[in-house]
């Protein structure tokens, strides 16, 4: 059986369903979707897309750090947007959190996200 470690931090929102914030198997960390909730109030930080995207990346960063890594260790990033017209703004916000070389990435338009969020991200991170 593979050794797996459950990652949890109070610096990111608690799981709002039957999942863990992240699971580490060997040097690979699978990060669950993060939406723009304030980790203390568990409410959306703002109705504005830019503020939501910023908080989402902060939450993702907190889980990466709890697992012993950083956003720069992410090798695959999946982004979900309820309005693809926010794609350019998302790239601008992402550029403040990530540096080249960027991870492989997908950006997908979806009908809706939990708690009415406008954006969500999940990722795979490789440590070491």
Protein backbone atom coordinates (compact mmCIF):
# COMPACT_ATOMS: atom_id res chain seq x y z
CA UNK A 1 0.00 0.00 0.00
CA UNK A 2 1.21 3.47 -0.88
CA UNK A 3 1.98 5.81 2.00
CA UNK A 4 -0.26 8.84 1.79
CA UNK A 5 -0.29 11.91 3.97
CA UNK A 6 -3.31 14.18 4.38
CA UNK A 7 -2.43 17.88 4.24
CA UNK A 8 -4.48 20.36 6.28
CA UNK A 9 -3.93 23.99 7.24
CA UNK A 10 -5.99 26.64 8.99
CA UNK A 11 -4.49 29.20 6.58
CA UNK A 12 -6.85 27.95 3.83
CA UNK A 13 -10.59 27.28 3.99
CA UNK A 14 -11.68 24.04 5.62
CA UNK A 15 -13.01 21.39 3.26
CA UNK A 16 -16.72 21.99 2.66
CA UNK A 17 -17.35 18.42 1.58
CA UNK A 18 -15.99 14.91 1.72
CA UNK A 19 -12.41 15.68 0.67
CA UNK A 20 -9.02 16.76 2.04
CA UNK A 21 -7.29 20.04 1.22
CA UNK A 22 -4.48 17.98 -0.30
CA UNK A 23 -3.06 14.46 -0.32
CA UNK A 24 0.67 13.76 -0.56
CA UNK A 25 1.86 10.47 -2.04
CA UNK A 26 5.63 10.21 -2.24
CA UNK A 27 6.86 13.52 -3.65
CA UNK A 28 3.59 14.34 -5.39
CA UNK A 29 0.88 16.47 -3.79
CA UNK A 30 -2.65 16.51 -5.19
CA UNK A 31 -4.32 19.79 -4.21
CA UNK A 32 -8.11 19.92 -4.05
CA UNK A 33 -10.03 22.79 -5.56
CA UNK A 34 -9.68 26.13 -3.79
CA UNK A 35 -12.32 28.80 -4.12
CA UNK A 36 -11.99 32.40 -2.86
CA UNK A 37 -13.22 31.87 0.68
CA UNK A 38 -11.72 33.75 3.59
CA UNK A 39 -10.30 30.89 5.71
CA UNK A 40 -11.54 32.48 8.94
CA UNK A 41 -15.10 33.46 7.97
CA UNK A 42 -15.62 30.77 5.28
CA UNK A 43 -17.35 33.45 3.17
CA UNK A 44 -16.45 34.74 -0.30
CA UNK A 45 -13.98 37.61 0.02
CA UNK A 46 -15.73 39.84 -2.51
CA UNK A 47 -18.20 39.78 -5.39
CA UNK A 48 -15.40 41.16 -7.63
CA UNK A 49 -13.46 38.74 -9.86
CA UNK A 50 -9.97 40.17 -9.23
CA UNK A 51 -10.33 39.94 -5.45
CA UNK A 52 -11.73 36.42 -5.75
CA UNK A 53 -8.86 35.28 -7.99
CA UNK A 54 -6.32 36.80 -5.60
CA UNK A 55 -7.82 35.01 -2.58
CA UNK A 56 -8.05 31.74 -4.49
CA UNK A 57 -4.31 31.85 -5.22
CA UNK A 58 -3.59 32.80 -1.58
CA UNK A 59 -5.55 29.75 -0.45
CA UNK A 60 -3.75 27.51 -2.94
CA UNK A 61 -0.40 28.90 -1.77
CA UNK A 62 -1.29 28.18 1.88
CA UNK A 63 -2.00 24.52 1.09
CA UNK A 64 1.22 24.25 -0.95
CA UNK A 65 3.19 25.64 1.99
CA UNK A 66 1.46 23.29 4.44
CA UNK A 67 2.63 20.42 2.23
CA UNK A 68 6.22 21.68 2.28
CA UNK A 69 6.25 23.36 -1.12
CA UNK A 70 5.32 26.55 -2.91
CA UNK A 71 3.29 27.64 -5.91
CA UNK A 72 6.50 27.30 -7.96
CA UNK A 73 6.42 23.53 -7.31
CA UNK A 74 3.06 23.17 -9.10
CA UNK A 75 3.45 21.23 -12.34
CA UNK A 76 -0.23 21.15 -13.40
CA UNK A 77 -2.83 23.81 -12.66
CA UNK A 78 -6.51 23.58 -13.53
CA UNK A 79 -8.61 26.75 -13.45
CA UNK A 80 -12.39 26.96 -13.61
CA UNK A 81 -14.19 30.22 -14.45
CA UNK A 82 -17.90 30.93 -14.54
CA UNK A 83 -17.25 33.69 -17.11
CA UNK A 84 -14.44 33.23 -19.63
CA UNK A 85 -14.41 36.97 -20.32
CA UNK A 86 -12.37 37.15 -17.07
CA UNK A 87 -9.57 35.09 -18.67
CA UNK A 88 -7.25 38.08 -19.25
CA UNK A 89 -7.77 39.38 -15.72
CA UNK A 90 -7.07 35.90 -14.36
CA UNK A 91 -3.74 35.84 -16.24
CA UNK A 92 -2.84 39.23 -14.72
CA UNK A 93 -3.56 38.01 -11.18
CA UNK A 94 -1.78 34.70 -11.79
CA UNK A 95 1.34 36.57 -12.93
CA UNK A 96 1.61 38.11 -9.45
CA UNK A 97 1.77 34.64 -7.85
CA UNK A 98 3.71 32.53 -10.40
CA UNK A 99 7.02 33.03 -12.17
CA UNK A 100 8.42 31.43 -15.31
CA UNK A 101 8.62 28.64 -16.08
CA UNK A 102 4.86 28.44 -15.56
CA UNK A 103 3.09 25.16 -14.83
CA UNK A 104 1.10 23.30 -17.43
CA UNK A 105 -2.43 24.69 -17.24
CA UNK A 106 -6.02 24.33 -18.32
CA UNK A 107 -8.70 27.02 -18.02
CA UNK A 108 -12.27 25.79 -18.35
CA UNK A 109 -15.55 27.66 -18.45
CA UNK A 110 -18.13 26.17 -16.09
CA UNK A 111 -21.74 26.97 -15.33
CA UNK A 112 -21.33 27.46 -11.58
CA UNK A 113 -18.99 26.82 -8.66
CA UNK A 114 -19.54 26.13 -4.94
CA UNK A 115 -20.86 29.02 -2.83
CA UNK A 116 -21.33 31.15 -5.96
CA UNK A 117 -17.58 31.59 -6.52
CA UNK A 118 -16.45 33.00 -9.86
CA UNK A 119 -13.19 31.03 -10.00
CA UNK A 120 -11.63 27.83 -8.63
CA UNK A 121 -8.23 26.14 -8.97
CA UNK A 122 -6.86 22.69 -8.29
CA UNK A 123 -3.34 21.52 -8.90
CA UNK A 124 -0.66 18.84 -8.80
CA UNK A 125 2.61 19.74 -7.09
CA UNK A 126 5.87 17.79 -7.17
CA UNK A 127 8.34 18.24 -4.33
CA UNK A 128 12.08 17.68 -4.43
